[in-house]
Amino acid sequence: MTATSENRNEAQMIASILAGGNTHEFHDLIQPYERSVYSMALSMLQNEADAEDAAQEAFLKAFRNLEKFRGEAKFSTWLISITLNEARSRLRRKKTAKTESLDELQEGGHVSPALLRDWREIPSEALERQEVRLLLQDAIGDLPLIYREVFVLRDMEDLSVNQSAEALGISVAAAKVRLHRARLMLQKRLAPQLKQVMPKRRWFPWF
């Protein structure tokens, strides 16, 4: 199915839901995005129960506010935006959100922008090791929120930079800067640890 026909089908489903309030049809609408919404919430909140609650609340808010969806963006992007806002709200309530100035980056030295194309290039046999999965999870969870958001959207959920920027409500240029810096932070954190786990493996292009 092409993107155009998919959008057309979604538009028809949304119109039908708004006309009749059919919750079963709404479930069909959101079903393709359930995994992405939960994964996004989990990456942000770092807690399975919290992520499940946030995902459910995001779907409820999407249903209640479906008439506000105008179709300028893809439905999936709109849904991810709602999920992001819900996760942010929960983080604020827990007072665990981290902030960091966009002006702050490297403490010293030059790091290649080749970066972490990169965590996805980690061999599958290594990813199956619990210690590597935990390293990745901890490193992503420790990213300042503004960098974690764009990294999860672009490099984990495979949204384009444009879609990521739209979901975050920022410019494409800002999304690129944040993504670049997120990757640099992960590179700096993960490179020495991954070399210890599998020292003979050439994890990244620069060593």
Protein backbone atom coordinates (compact mmCIF):
# COMPACT_ATOMS: atom_id res chain seq x y z
CA MET A 1 0.00 0.00 0.00
CA THR A 2 1.35 3.38 -0.97
CA ALA A 3 1.64 6.24 1.52
CA THR A 4 -1.06 8.15 -0.39
CA SER A 5 -3.56 5.29 -0.28
CA GLU A 6 -2.72 4.63 3.36
CA ASN A 7 -3.40 8.27 4.24
CA ARG A 8 -6.64 8.16 2.26
CA ASN A 9 -7.80 5.03 4.09
CA GLU A 10 -6.92 6.60 7.44
CA ALA A 11 -8.82 9.75 6.50
CA GLN A 12 -11.87 7.65 5.65
CA MET A 13 -11.60 5.74 8.94
CA ILE A 14 -11.28 8.99 10.91
CA ALA A 15 -14.33 10.46 9.18
CA SER A 16 -16.30 7.31 9.98
CA ILE A 17 -15.20 7.33 13.62
CA LEU A 18 -16.15 10.99 14.02
CA ALA A 19 -19.52 10.34 12.44
CA GLY A 20 -20.40 7.37 14.62
CA GLY A 21 -17.95 7.24 17.53
CA ASN A 22 -17.06 3.65 16.69
CA THR A 23 -14.42 2.54 19.20
CA HIS A 24 -13.79 -0.72 17.34
CA GLU A 25 -12.90 1.22 14.21
CA PHE A 26 -10.64 3.47 16.28
CA HIS A 27 -8.77 0.38 17.46
CA ASP A 28 -8.23 -0.60 13.82
CA LEU A 29 -6.90 2.90 13.18
CA ILE A 30 -4.34 2.85 15.98
CA GLN A 31 -3.37 -0.82 15.81
CA PRO A 32 -0.45 -0.30 13.36
CA TYR A 33 1.06 2.24 15.75
CA GLU A 34 0.60 0.51 19.10
CA ARG A 35 4.16 -0.82 19.20
CA SER A 36 5.68 2.52 18.22
CA VAL A 37 3.66 4.42 20.80
CA TYR A 38 4.58 2.01 23.58
CA SER A 39 8.24 1.93 22.53
CA MET A 40 8.35 5.71 22.45
CA ALA A 41 6.82 5.95 25.92
CA LEU A 42 9.14 3.27 27.30
CA SER A 43 12.23 4.95 25.90
CA MET A 44 11.17 8.19 27.54
CA LEU A 45 9.95 6.89 30.89
CA GLN A 46 12.26 3.90 31.40
CA ASN A 47 9.54 1.97 33.20
CA GLU A 48 7.23 -0.62 31.63
CA ALA A 49 4.21 0.09 33.81
CA ASP A 50 4.55 3.85 33.31
CA ALA A 51 4.98 3.33 29.57
CA GLU A 52 1.83 1.20 29.37
CA ASP A 53 -0.14 3.84 31.29
CA ALA A 54 1.25 6.65 29.12
CA ALA A 55 0.47 4.76 25.91
CA GLN A 56 -3.11 4.08 27.02
CA GLU A 57 -3.56 7.72 28.01
CA ALA A 58 -2.14 8.86 24.67
CA PHE A 59 -4.63 6.68 22.79
CA LEU A 60 -7.50 7.99 24.93
CA LYS A 61 -6.45 11.57 24.27
CA ALA A 62 -6.19 10.84 20.56
CA PHE A 63 -9.73 9.44 20.56
CA ARG A 64 -11.13 12.36 22.55
CA ASN A 65 -9.40 14.91 20.34
CA LEU A 66 -9.73 13.17 17.00
CA GLU A 67 -11.82 16.02 15.62
CA LYS A 68 -8.78 18.28 16.08
CA PHE A 69 -6.72 16.20 13.66
CA ARG A 70 -6.72 18.22 10.44
CA GLY A 71 -4.61 15.99 8.25
CA GLU A 72 -1.80 18.46 7.66
CA ALA A 73 0.52 15.91 9.27
CA LYS A 74 0.39 12.14 9.08
CA PHE A 75 -1.86 10.54 11.68
CA SER A 76 1.13 8.59 13.04
CA THR A 77 3.10 11.81 13.56
CA TRP A 78 0.15 13.41 15.36
CA LEU A 79 -0.20 10.34 17.57
CA ILE A 80 3.51 10.35 18.42
CA SER A 81 3.23 14.04 19.35
CA ILE A 82 0.47 13.19 21.81
CA THR A 83 2.60 10.39 23.24
CA LEU A 84 5.57 12.71 23.61
CA ASN A 85 3.49 15.28 25.45
CA GLU A 86 2.08 12.63 27.77
CA ALA A 87 5.54 11.27 28.55
CA ARG A 88 6.89 14.78 29.13
CA SER A 89 4.03 15.53 31.49
CA ARG A 90 4.75 12.40 33.52
CA LEU A 91 8.46 13.18 33.64
CA ARG A 92 7.73 16.68 34.87
CA ARG A 93 5.50 15.33 37.57
CA LYS A 94 8.25 12.98 38.68
CA LYS A 95 10.76 15.80 38.45
CA THR A 96 13.19 13.52 36.67
CA ALA A 97 13.42 15.31 33.36
CA LYS A 98 16.92 16.46 32.53
CA THR A 99 17.67 19.68 30.74
CA GLU A 100 20.79 20.77 28.99
CA SER A 101 21.63 23.79 26.87
CA LEU A 102 22.04 23.25 23.16
CA ASP A 103 25.21 25.28 23.50
CA GLU A 104 26.82 22.63 25.68
CA LEU A 105 28.41 19.75 23.86
CA GLN A 106 31.88 18.34 23.96
CA GLU A 107 34.18 19.01 26.87
CA GLY A 108 37.21 18.77 24.68
CA GLY A 109 38.65 17.20 21.59
CA HIS A 110 37.13 16.49 18.21
CA VAL A 111 34.77 13.58 17.70
CA SER A 112 34.00 12.32 14.25
CA PRO A 113 30.45 13.03 13.06
CA ALA A 114 30.41 9.54 11.54
CA LEU A 115 28.92 8.63 14.91
CA LEU A 116 26.48 6.00 15.75
CA ARG A 117 24.91 4.94 12.56
CA ASP A 118 25.78 2.76 14.36
CA TRP A 119 24.13 1.29 17.36
CA ARG A 120 22.10 -0.54 14.73
CA GLU A 121 25.36 -1.89 13.31
CA ILE A 122 26.05 -3.73 16.54
CA PRO A 123 26.00 -7.44 15.63
CA SER A 124 22.84 -9.33 16.53
CA GLU A 125 24.74 -11.90 18.56
CA ALA A 126 26.01 -9.12 20.82
CA LEU A 127 22.59 -7.53 21.16
CA GLU A 128 21.33 -10.85 22.44
CA ARG A 129 23.65 -10.47 25.40
CA GLN A 130 21.87 -8.98 28.36
CA GLU A 131 24.80 -6.79 29.32
CA VAL A 132 24.84 -5.07 25.92
CA ARG A 133 21.09 -4.47 25.95
CA LEU A 134 21.39 -2.95 29.42
CA LEU A 135 24.27 -0.72 28.31
CA LEU A 136 22.18 0.60 25.43
CA GLN A 137 19.07 1.05 27.54
CA ASP A 138 20.94 2.89 30.28
CA ALA A 139 22.83 5.11 27.85
CA ILE A 140 19.68 6.16 26.00
CA GLY A 141 17.81 6.65 29.27
CA ASP A 142 20.55 8.93 30.59
CA LEU A 143 20.42 11.26 27.59
CA PRO A 144 19.01 14.70 28.40
CA LEU A 145 15.36 14.72 27.41
CA ILE A 146 15.66 17.01 24.38
CA TYR A 147 18.26 14.68 22.86
CA ARG A 148 16.60 11.43 23.89
CA GLU A 149 13.36 12.43 22.18
CA VAL A 150 14.85 13.04 18.77
CA PHE A 151 17.17 10.03 18.97
CA VAL A 152 14.28 7.69 19.76
CA LEU A 153 12.14 9.12 16.98
CA ARG A 154 14.83 9.09 14.30
CA ASP A 155 17.12 6.19 15.13
CA MET A 156 14.78 3.84 16.97
CA GLU A 157 11.37 4.50 15.44
CA ASP A 158 12.82 5.26 11.99
CA LEU A 159 10.94 8.49 11.47
CA SER A 160 12.57 10.86 9.01
CA VAL A 161 14.27 13.98 10.36
CA ASN A 162 11.39 16.03 8.99
CA GLN A 163 8.80 13.84 10.69
CA SER A 164 10.78 13.89 13.94
CA ALA A 165 10.95 17.67 13.85
CA GLU A 166 7.22 17.89 13.17
CA ALA A 167 6.40 15.54 16.07
CA LEU A 168 8.62 17.56 18.40
CA GLY A 169 7.35 20.91 17.19
CA ILE A 170 10.84 22.16 16.31
CA SER A 171 12.61 23.16 13.14
CA VAL A 172 14.36 20.58 10.97
CA ALA A 173 17.67 22.34 11.65
CA ALA A 174 17.15 22.05 15.41
CA ALA A 175 16.22 18.38 15.04
CA LYS A 176 19.44 17.72 13.12
CA VAL A 177 21.53 19.48 15.77
CA ARG A 178 19.90 17.58 18.60
CA LEU A 179 20.22 14.25 16.79
CA HIS A 180 23.88 14.92 16.06
CA ARG A 181 24.58 15.70 19.69
CA ALA A 182 22.58 12.74 20.95
CA ARG A 183 24.68 10.44 18.81
CA LEU A 184 27.89 12.06 20.00
CA MET A 185 26.87 11.59 23.62
CA LEU A 186 26.03 7.94 23.04
CA GLN A 187 29.26 7.43 21.14
CA LYS A 188 31.28 8.88 24.00
CA ARG A 189 29.41 6.79 26.56
CA LEU A 190 29.18 3.48 24.71
CA ALA A 191 32.39 3.17 22.72
CA PRO A 192 34.73 2.25 25.63
CA GLN A 193 32.13 0.02 27.26
CA LEU A 194 31.39 -1.91 24.09
CA LYS A 195 35.11 -2.42 23.44
CA GLN A 196 35.35 -4.07 26.84
CA VAL A 197 32.44 -6.37 26.09
CA MET A 198 33.83 -7.51 22.72
CA PRO A 199 37.36 -6.08 22.35
CA LYS A 200 38.07 -7.67 18.96
CA ARG A 201 34.95 -6.29 17.36
CA ARG A 202 35.28 -3.08 15.35
CA TRP A 203 32.14 -1.49 16.79
CA PHE A 204 32.31 1.86 15.04
CA PRO A 205 34.00 3.22 11.90
CA TRP A 206 36.54 5.34 13.77
CA PHE A 207 38.36 2.59 15.70
